[in-house]
N, C-alpha and C. Protein backbone atom coordinates (compact mmCIF):
# COMPACT_ATOMS: atom_id res chain seq x y z
N MET A 1 -10.92 -3.24 65.57
CA MET A 1 -10.97 -1.81 65.20
C MET A 1 -9.69 -1.45 64.43
N LYS A 2 -8.59 -2.02 64.89
CA LYS A 2 -7.34 -1.70 64.28
C LYS A 2 -7.31 -2.25 62.85
N LYS A 3 -7.86 -3.41 62.60
CA LYS A 3 -7.89 -3.98 61.23
C LYS A 3 -8.78 -3.18 60.32
N VAL A 4 -9.84 -2.65 60.81
CA VAL A 4 -10.76 -1.86 59.99
C VAL A 4 -10.03 -0.55 59.55
N MET A 5 -9.30 0.07 60.43
CA MET A 5 -8.59 1.31 60.11
C MET A 5 -7.46 0.99 59.09
N ILE A 6 -6.80 -0.14 59.22
CA ILE A 6 -5.71 -0.49 58.27
C ILE A 6 -6.36 -0.77 56.91
N VAL A 7 -7.47 -1.47 56.85
CA VAL A 7 -8.14 -1.71 55.60
C VAL A 7 -8.62 -0.42 54.96
N ALA A 8 -9.16 0.48 55.73
CA ALA A 8 -9.59 1.80 55.27
C ALA A 8 -8.44 2.64 54.70
N ALA A 9 -7.31 2.59 55.38
CA ALA A 9 -6.14 3.38 54.95
C ALA A 9 -5.59 2.78 53.63
N VAL A 10 -5.55 1.46 53.54
CA VAL A 10 -5.05 0.85 52.29
C VAL A 10 -6.00 1.11 51.16
N ALA A 11 -7.31 1.10 51.41
CA ALA A 11 -8.30 1.36 50.42
C ALA A 11 -8.23 2.84 49.91
N ALA A 12 -8.02 3.74 50.86
CA ALA A 12 -7.88 5.13 50.50
C ALA A 12 -6.64 5.42 49.66
N LEU A 13 -5.52 4.75 49.99
CA LEU A 13 -4.30 4.93 49.23
C LEU A 13 -4.43 4.31 47.85
N ALA A 14 -5.08 3.19 47.75
CA ALA A 14 -5.25 2.52 46.47
C ALA A 14 -6.16 3.32 45.57
N ALA A 15 -7.21 3.94 46.12
CA ALA A 15 -8.12 4.74 45.35
C ALA A 15 -7.48 6.03 44.81
N THR A 16 -6.65 6.66 45.60
CA THR A 16 -6.06 7.88 45.09
C THR A 16 -4.93 7.55 44.02
N ALA A 17 -4.24 6.42 44.18
CA ALA A 17 -3.24 6.08 43.23
C ALA A 17 -3.86 5.70 41.90
N ALA A 18 -5.04 5.09 41.89
CA ALA A 18 -5.69 4.69 40.68
C ALA A 18 -6.18 5.93 39.90
N GLN A 19 -6.44 7.01 40.52
CA GLN A 19 -6.99 8.21 39.87
C GLN A 19 -5.93 9.22 39.56
N ALA A 20 -4.72 8.99 39.91
CA ALA A 20 -3.59 9.98 39.72
C ALA A 20 -3.33 10.18 38.24
N GLY A 21 -3.21 11.41 37.83
CA GLY A 21 -2.86 11.70 36.47
C GLY A 21 -3.93 11.67 35.46
N ALA A 22 -5.16 11.52 35.85
CA ALA A 22 -6.24 11.42 34.86
C ALA A 22 -6.82 12.78 34.50
N LEU A 23 -6.39 13.88 35.13
CA LEU A 23 -7.01 15.15 34.87
C LEU A 23 -6.30 15.91 33.74
N VAL A 24 -5.08 15.58 33.45
CA VAL A 24 -4.29 16.33 32.45
C VAL A 24 -4.05 15.42 31.27
N ASP A 25 -4.16 15.98 30.06
CA ASP A 25 -3.90 15.21 28.86
C ASP A 25 -2.42 14.94 28.76
N PRO A 26 -2.00 13.76 28.31
CA PRO A 26 -0.60 13.47 28.20
C PRO A 26 0.03 14.27 27.04
N ILE A 27 1.29 14.62 27.16
CA ILE A 27 2.00 15.32 26.11
C ILE A 27 2.66 14.32 25.18
N VAL A 28 2.21 14.37 23.96
CA VAL A 28 2.70 13.40 22.94
C VAL A 28 3.54 14.20 21.91
N GLU A 29 4.81 13.81 21.83
CA GLU A 29 5.64 14.48 20.85
C GLU A 29 5.40 13.95 19.48
N PRO A 30 5.34 14.80 18.43
CA PRO A 30 5.06 14.30 17.06
C PRO A 30 6.23 13.46 16.58
N GLU A 31 5.91 12.40 15.83
CA GLU A 31 6.94 11.56 15.25
C GLU A 31 7.51 12.16 14.04
N ILE A 32 8.83 12.21 13.99
CA ILE A 32 9.52 12.84 12.88
C ILE A 32 9.73 11.80 11.82
N ILE A 33 9.23 12.03 10.61
CA ILE A 33 9.34 11.12 9.53
C ILE A 33 10.28 11.71 8.46
N VAL A 34 11.36 10.97 8.16
CA VAL A 34 12.34 11.42 7.12
C VAL A 34 12.10 10.62 5.92
N GLU A 35 11.77 11.34 4.85
CA GLU A 35 11.51 10.67 3.56
C GLU A 35 12.72 10.80 2.67
N GLN A 36 13.22 9.69 2.20
CA GLN A 36 14.40 9.72 1.32
C GLN A 36 13.91 9.83 -0.11
N SER A 37 14.35 10.87 -0.76
CA SER A 37 14.00 11.04 -2.14
C SER A 37 14.92 10.21 -3.04
N SER A 38 14.36 9.72 -4.10
CA SER A 38 15.22 8.91 -5.00
C SER A 38 16.12 9.81 -5.78
N SER A 39 17.37 9.42 -5.91
CA SER A 39 18.38 10.17 -6.63
C SER A 39 18.24 9.87 -8.12
N SER A 40 17.67 10.80 -8.85
CA SER A 40 17.48 10.60 -10.30
C SER A 40 18.30 11.62 -11.03
N SER A 41 19.59 11.67 -10.78
CA SER A 41 20.49 12.65 -11.42
C SER A 41 20.64 12.27 -12.90
N ASN A 42 20.44 11.04 -13.26
CA ASN A 42 20.57 10.66 -14.69
C ASN A 42 19.47 11.31 -15.52
N ALA A 43 18.26 11.42 -15.05
CA ALA A 43 17.20 12.08 -15.82
C ALA A 43 17.49 13.55 -15.98
N GLY A 44 18.19 14.14 -15.07
CA GLY A 44 18.53 15.58 -15.14
C GLY A 44 19.54 15.86 -16.20
N ILE A 45 20.30 14.92 -16.61
CA ILE A 45 21.35 15.12 -17.63
C ILE A 45 20.96 14.55 -18.97
N ILE A 46 20.12 13.53 -18.97
CA ILE A 46 19.73 12.83 -20.25
C ILE A 46 18.88 13.78 -21.15
N VAL A 47 17.92 14.42 -20.57
CA VAL A 47 17.05 15.27 -21.37
C VAL A 47 17.80 16.42 -22.08
N PRO A 48 18.67 17.14 -21.40
CA PRO A 48 19.46 18.16 -22.13
C PRO A 48 20.36 17.58 -23.20
N LEU A 49 20.94 16.40 -22.91
CA LEU A 49 21.79 15.80 -23.94
C LEU A 49 21.02 15.37 -25.18
N ILE A 50 19.83 14.87 -24.99
CA ILE A 50 18.99 14.51 -26.15
C ILE A 50 18.60 15.77 -26.92
N PHE A 51 18.28 16.86 -26.20
CA PHE A 51 17.98 18.11 -26.83
C PHE A 51 19.15 18.62 -27.64
N LEU A 52 20.38 18.59 -27.09
CA LEU A 52 21.54 19.05 -27.77
C LEU A 52 21.86 18.19 -29.02
N ALA A 53 21.58 16.89 -28.86
CA ALA A 53 21.81 15.99 -30.03
C ALA A 53 20.81 16.33 -31.15
N LEU A 54 19.55 16.64 -30.83
CA LEU A 54 18.61 17.00 -31.85
C LEU A 54 18.90 18.29 -32.52
N VAL A 55 19.38 19.26 -31.71
CA VAL A 55 19.79 20.54 -32.27
C VAL A 55 21.02 20.34 -33.18
N GLY A 56 21.94 19.55 -32.79
CA GLY A 56 23.13 19.22 -33.61
C GLY A 56 22.73 18.61 -34.92
N VAL A 57 21.82 17.64 -34.85
CA VAL A 57 21.36 17.01 -36.10
C VAL A 57 20.60 18.04 -37.00
N GLY A 58 19.87 18.89 -36.38
CA GLY A 58 19.19 19.93 -37.15
C GLY A 58 20.14 20.84 -37.82
N VAL A 59 21.16 21.29 -37.13
CA VAL A 59 22.18 22.16 -37.70
C VAL A 59 22.95 21.46 -38.81
N PHE A 60 23.28 20.22 -38.55
CA PHE A 60 24.04 19.41 -39.55
C PHE A 60 23.22 19.26 -40.82
N CYS A 61 21.94 19.01 -40.68
CA CYS A 61 21.06 18.85 -41.84
C CYS A 61 20.84 20.14 -42.57
N ALA A 62 20.89 21.24 -41.82
CA ALA A 62 20.71 22.60 -42.46
C ALA A 62 21.92 22.96 -43.30
N VAL A 63 23.10 22.52 -42.84
CA VAL A 63 24.33 22.86 -43.52
C VAL A 63 24.57 21.88 -44.71
N ASN A 64 24.36 20.60 -44.47
CA ASN A 64 24.59 19.59 -45.51
C ASN A 64 23.21 19.08 -45.99
N THR A 65 22.68 19.65 -47.02
CA THR A 65 21.34 19.19 -47.49
C THR A 65 21.42 17.95 -48.30
N THR A 66 22.58 17.55 -48.72
CA THR A 66 22.71 16.31 -49.54
C THR A 66 22.56 15.08 -48.71
N ILE A 67 22.95 15.07 -47.44
CA ILE A 67 22.90 13.85 -46.60
C ILE A 67 21.54 13.67 -45.96
N CYS A 68 20.98 14.70 -45.45
CA CYS A 68 19.68 14.60 -44.75
C CYS A 68 18.55 14.63 -45.74
C-alpha cells in the first residue's frame, strides 16, 4: 500500500510539472537589427563639382568665342 501511494504521488508531481507554463504565451522580445548604410560621401561632392565644371566651361566659351 505504501508503494502504491509513493508511485501515485510521484506520478501526480510529474504530471503537473509537465503541464506547467502551457497556458500563457511566452513573451518574445523583438530582435533589433542595425543596418549599416554605405558611406558614399564621394558621390555627394562629385556631382556638384561636375556641374560647376560644366558651368565654368559654358561661361568660358561664352566669353571666348574663338577657342570654343
